[in-house]
């Protein structure tokens, strides 16, 4: 992941979003909030049946370019694996 010219927050946001786009889940759930209880239930069940596979932070390795030990420790605190080149 390119680090030059970016804040730690920007890099962390991109790493998290690459694994899990919470904003997409938020949009889908808001669209499912229908006034009719039966329609709402049906939409929610559809979301459950078609939910995309989601990766997890501990199963994701991040390589930082250039290596940045402080940022690597922050990523590790979130549960990411960081390649040795970044430490």
N, C-alpha and C. Protein backbone atom coordinates (compact mmCIF):
# COMPACT_ATOMS: atom_id res chain seq x y z
N UNK A 1 0.85 -1.16 0.00
CA UNK A 1 0.00 0.00 0.00
C UNK A 1 0.90 1.23 0.00
N UNK A 2 0.63 2.15 -0.89
CA UNK A 2 1.43 3.37 -0.99
C UNK A 2 1.14 4.26 0.22
N UNK A 3 2.21 4.72 0.87
CA UNK A 3 2.10 5.52 2.09
C UNK A 3 2.49 6.97 1.85
N UNK A 4 3.39 7.22 0.93
CA UNK A 4 3.93 8.57 0.71
C UNK A 4 2.82 9.59 0.51
N UNK A 5 2.94 10.70 1.24
CA UNK A 5 2.02 11.82 1.07
C UNK A 5 0.63 11.58 1.65
N UNK A 6 0.46 10.52 2.42
CA UNK A 6 -0.85 10.20 2.98
C UNK A 6 -0.77 10.16 4.50
N UNK A 7 -1.85 10.54 5.14
CA UNK A 7 -1.89 10.47 6.60
C UNK A 7 -2.10 9.01 7.01
N UNK A 8 -1.75 8.72 8.27
CA UNK A 8 -2.01 7.38 8.79
C UNK A 8 -3.49 7.06 8.70
N UNK A 9 -4.33 8.04 8.99
CA UNK A 9 -5.78 7.83 8.94
C UNK A 9 -6.25 7.42 7.56
N UNK A 10 -5.69 8.05 6.53
CA UNK A 10 -6.07 7.70 5.15
C UNK A 10 -5.66 6.27 4.81
N UNK A 11 -4.47 5.90 5.22
CA UNK A 11 -3.99 4.54 4.94
C UNK A 11 -4.82 3.51 5.71
N UNK A 12 -5.10 3.79 6.97
CA UNK A 12 -5.91 2.87 7.78
C UNK A 12 -7.31 2.73 7.19
N UNK A 13 -7.91 3.85 6.78
CA UNK A 13 -9.24 3.82 6.18
C UNK A 13 -9.24 2.94 4.93
N UNK A 14 -8.25 3.12 4.07
CA UNK A 14 -8.18 2.34 2.84
C UNK A 14 -7.97 0.85 3.13
N UNK A 15 -7.15 0.54 4.12
CA UNK A 15 -6.92 -0.87 4.47
C UNK A 15 -8.21 -1.52 4.97
N UNK A 16 -8.91 -0.82 5.86
CA UNK A 16 -10.16 -1.35 6.40
C UNK A 16 -11.20 -1.48 5.29
N UNK A 17 -11.33 -0.48 4.48
CA UNK A 17 -12.35 -0.48 3.42
C UNK A 17 -12.08 -1.55 2.36
N UNK A 18 -10.81 -1.87 2.14
CA UNK A 18 -10.47 -2.92 1.19
C UNK A 18 -10.98 -4.29 1.66
N UNK A 19 -11.09 -4.44 2.97
CA UNK A 19 -11.54 -5.71 3.54
C UNK A 19 -13.04 -5.70 3.79
N UNK A 20 -13.56 -4.58 4.27
CA UNK A 20 -14.98 -4.51 4.63
C UNK A 20 -15.51 -3.11 4.38
N UNK A 21 -16.44 -3.01 3.46
CA UNK A 21 -17.06 -1.73 3.12
C UNK A 21 -18.34 -1.56 3.93
N UNK A 22 -18.21 -1.02 5.12
CA UNK A 22 -19.36 -0.85 6.01
C UNK A 22 -20.39 0.10 5.42
N UNK A 23 -19.94 1.03 4.59
CA UNK A 23 -20.88 1.98 3.98
C UNK A 23 -21.84 1.27 3.03
N UNK A 24 -21.36 0.24 2.35
CA UNK A 24 -22.24 -0.53 1.47
C UNK A 24 -23.30 -1.27 2.28
N UNK A 25 -22.89 -1.86 3.41
CA UNK A 25 -23.86 -2.52 4.29
C UNK A 25 -24.88 -1.51 4.82
N UNK A 26 -24.41 -0.35 5.20
CA UNK A 26 -25.29 0.70 5.71
C UNK A 26 -26.35 1.07 4.67
N UNK A 27 -25.94 1.28 3.42
CA UNK A 27 -26.89 1.63 2.35
C UNK A 27 -27.93 0.53 2.16
N UNK A 28 -27.47 -0.71 2.12
CA UNK A 28 -28.39 -1.83 1.90
C UNK A 28 -29.41 -1.94 3.03
N UNK A 29 -28.95 -1.78 4.26
CA UNK A 29 -29.87 -1.88 5.40
C UNK A 29 -30.85 -0.71 5.44
N UNK A 30 -30.39 0.47 5.08
CA UNK A 30 -31.30 1.61 5.04
C UNK A 30 -32.38 1.43 3.97
N UNK A 31 -31.99 0.85 2.83
CA UNK A 31 -32.97 0.59 1.78
C UNK A 31 -33.96 -0.49 2.19
N UNK A 32 -33.55 -1.37 3.11
CA UNK A 32 -34.42 -2.44 3.58
C UNK A 32 -35.39 -1.96 4.65
N UNK A 33 -35.20 -0.76 5.16
CA UNK A 33 -36.05 -0.22 6.23
C UNK A 33 -37.37 0.28 5.64
N UNK A 34 -38.15 -0.65 5.14
CA UNK A 34 -39.42 -0.32 4.50
C UNK A 34 -40.52 -0.17 5.55
N UNK A 35 -41.53 0.64 5.28
CA UNK A 35 -42.59 0.86 6.26
C UNK A 35 -43.43 -0.41 6.52
N UNK A 36 -43.64 -1.21 5.51
CA UNK A 36 -44.44 -2.43 5.67
C UNK A 36 -43.59 -3.53 6.30
N UNK A 37 -44.03 -4.07 7.43
CA UNK A 37 -43.25 -5.06 8.18
C UNK A 37 -42.97 -6.31 7.35
N UNK A 38 -43.93 -6.77 6.59
CA UNK A 38 -43.74 -7.97 5.78
C UNK A 38 -42.68 -7.72 4.68
N UNK A 39 -42.79 -6.59 4.00
CA UNK A 39 -41.83 -6.25 2.96
C UNK A 39 -40.44 -6.05 3.55
N UNK A 40 -40.38 -5.43 4.73
CA UNK A 40 -39.11 -5.20 5.41
C UNK A 40 -38.45 -6.54 5.76
N UNK A 41 -39.25 -7.47 6.30
CA UNK A 41 -38.73 -8.79 6.64
C UNK A 41 -38.23 -9.54 5.42
N UNK A 42 -38.99 -9.46 4.32
CA UNK A 42 -38.60 -10.13 3.09
C UNK A 42 -37.29 -9.54 2.55
N UNK A 43 -37.16 -8.23 2.60
CA UNK A 43 -35.94 -7.57 2.10
C UNK A 43 -34.74 -7.95 2.96
N UNK A 44 -34.95 -8.01 4.28
CA UNK A 44 -33.87 -8.38 5.18
C UNK A 44 -33.42 -9.82 4.91
N UNK A 45 -34.36 -10.72 4.73
CA UNK A 45 -34.02 -12.11 4.42
C UNK A 45 -33.28 -12.20 3.10
N UNK A 46 -33.66 -11.39 2.12
CA UNK A 46 -32.95 -11.36 0.84
C UNK A 46 -31.51 -10.91 1.05
N UNK A 47 -31.31 -9.89 1.88
CA UNK A 47 -29.96 -9.42 2.18
C UNK A 47 -29.13 -10.53 2.83
N UNK A 48 -29.73 -11.27 3.74
CA UNK A 48 -29.01 -12.36 4.40
C UNK A 48 -28.62 -13.46 3.42
N UNK A 49 -29.54 -13.81 2.52
CA UNK A 49 -29.28 -14.88 1.55
C UNK A 49 -28.21 -14.50 0.54
N UNK A 50 -28.13 -13.23 0.20
CA UNK A 50 -27.22 -12.79 -0.86
C UNK A 50 -26.01 -12.02 -0.32
N UNK A 51 -25.78 -12.11 0.97
CA UNK A 51 -24.67 -11.36 1.58
C UNK A 51 -23.34 -11.83 0.99
N UNK A 52 -22.53 -10.90 0.58
CA UNK A 52 -21.25 -11.23 -0.05
C UNK A 52 -20.26 -11.77 0.99
N UNK A 53 -19.33 -12.55 0.51
CA UNK A 53 -18.30 -13.07 1.38
C UNK A 53 -17.43 -11.91 1.85
N UNK A 54 -17.09 -11.94 3.12
CA UNK A 54 -16.31 -10.84 3.68
C UNK A 54 -15.01 -11.39 4.26
N UNK A 55 -13.92 -10.76 3.91
CA UNK A 55 -12.63 -11.15 4.48
C UNK A 55 -12.50 -10.55 5.88
N UNK A 56 -11.54 -11.03 6.62
CA UNK A 56 -11.31 -10.53 7.98
C UNK A 56 -9.90 -9.97 8.07
N UNK A 57 -9.73 -9.00 8.95
CA UNK A 57 -8.44 -8.34 9.09
C UNK A 57 -7.30 -9.33 9.36
N UNK A 58 -7.45 -10.30 10.28
CA UNK A 58 -6.33 -11.21 10.55
C UNK A 58 -5.93 -12.08 9.36
N UNK A 59 -6.78 -12.18 8.36
CA UNK A 59 -6.47 -12.96 7.17
C UNK A 59 -5.96 -12.09 6.03
N UNK A 60 -5.63 -10.84 6.33
CA UNK A 60 -5.18 -9.90 5.32
C UNK A 60 -3.80 -9.37 5.68
N UNK A 61 -2.88 -9.46 4.73
CA UNK A 61 -1.53 -8.95 4.93
C UNK A 61 -1.38 -7.63 4.17
N UNK A 62 -0.86 -6.64 4.85
CA UNK A 62 -0.63 -5.32 4.25
C UNK A 62 0.88 -5.11 4.12
N UNK A 63 1.29 -4.67 2.95
CA UNK A 63 2.69 -4.28 2.72
C UNK A 63 2.71 -2.78 2.52
N UNK A 64 3.54 -2.10 3.28
CA UNK A 64 3.60 -0.64 3.21
C UNK A 64 4.79 -0.21 2.37
N UNK A 65 4.56 0.79 1.52
CA UNK A 65 5.60 1.32 0.65
C UNK A 65 5.63 2.83 0.79
N UNK A 66 6.66 3.40 1.40
CA UNK A 66 7.80 2.74 2.02
C UNK A 66 7.41 2.17 3.38
N UNK A 67 8.22 1.26 3.93
CA UNK A 67 7.93 0.70 5.25
C UNK A 67 7.79 1.80 6.30
N UNK A 68 6.88 1.60 7.23
CA UNK A 68 6.62 2.59 8.28
C UNK A 68 6.25 1.82 9.54
N UNK A 69 7.19 1.73 10.48
CA UNK A 69 6.98 0.94 11.69
C UNK A 69 5.81 1.40 12.52
N UNK A 70 5.62 2.71 12.65
CA UNK A 70 4.51 3.24 13.45
C UNK A 70 3.18 2.85 12.83
N UNK A 71 3.05 3.02 11.55
CA UNK A 71 1.83 2.67 10.84
C UNK A 71 1.61 1.16 10.86
N UNK A 72 2.69 0.39 10.74
CA UNK A 72 2.59 -1.07 10.80
C UNK A 72 2.01 -1.50 12.14
N UNK A 73 2.45 -0.88 13.22
CA UNK A 73 1.92 -1.23 14.55
C UNK A 73 0.44 -0.88 14.68
N UNK A 74 0.03 0.22 14.07
CA UNK A 74 -1.40 0.59 14.10
C UNK A 74 -2.24 -0.44 13.34
N UNK A 75 -1.73 -0.87 12.19
CA UNK A 75 -2.45 -1.89 11.41
C UNK A 75 -2.52 -3.20 12.19
N UNK A 76 -1.44 -3.56 12.84
CA UNK A 76 -1.42 -4.77 13.64
C UNK A 76 -2.40 -4.67 14.81
N UNK A 77 -2.52 -3.49 15.39
CA UNK A 77 -3.47 -3.30 16.50
C UNK A 77 -4.91 -3.52 16.04
N UNK A 78 -5.17 -3.25 14.75
CA UNK A 78 -6.51 -3.51 14.19
C UNK A 78 -6.69 -4.98 13.84
N UNK A 79 -5.60 -5.74 13.83
CA UNK A 79 -5.68 -7.15 13.54
C UNK A 79 -5.08 -7.56 12.22
N UNK A 80 -4.63 -6.60 11.42
CA UNK A 80 -4.00 -6.93 10.13
C UNK A 80 -2.64 -7.57 10.36
N UNK A 81 -2.24 -8.40 9.40
CA UNK A 81 -0.87 -8.87 9.36
C UNK A 81 -0.11 -7.86 8.50
N UNK A 82 1.11 -7.56 8.87
CA UNK A 82 1.92 -6.62 8.10
C UNK A 82 3.18 -7.35 7.69
N UNK A 83 3.52 -7.24 6.39
CA UNK A 83 4.70 -7.95 5.90
C UNK A 83 5.96 -7.47 6.60
N UNK A 84 6.93 -8.33 6.69
CA UNK A 84 8.20 -8.00 7.39
C UNK A 84 8.88 -6.77 6.81
N UNK A 85 8.69 -6.54 5.51
CA UNK A 85 9.34 -5.38 4.88
C UNK A 85 8.83 -4.07 5.46
N UNK A 86 7.64 -4.10 6.11
CA UNK A 86 7.05 -2.88 6.64
C UNK A 86 7.45 -2.62 8.09
N UNK A 87 8.18 -3.53 8.69
CA UNK A 87 8.54 -3.35 10.11
C UNK A 87 9.91 -2.78 10.27
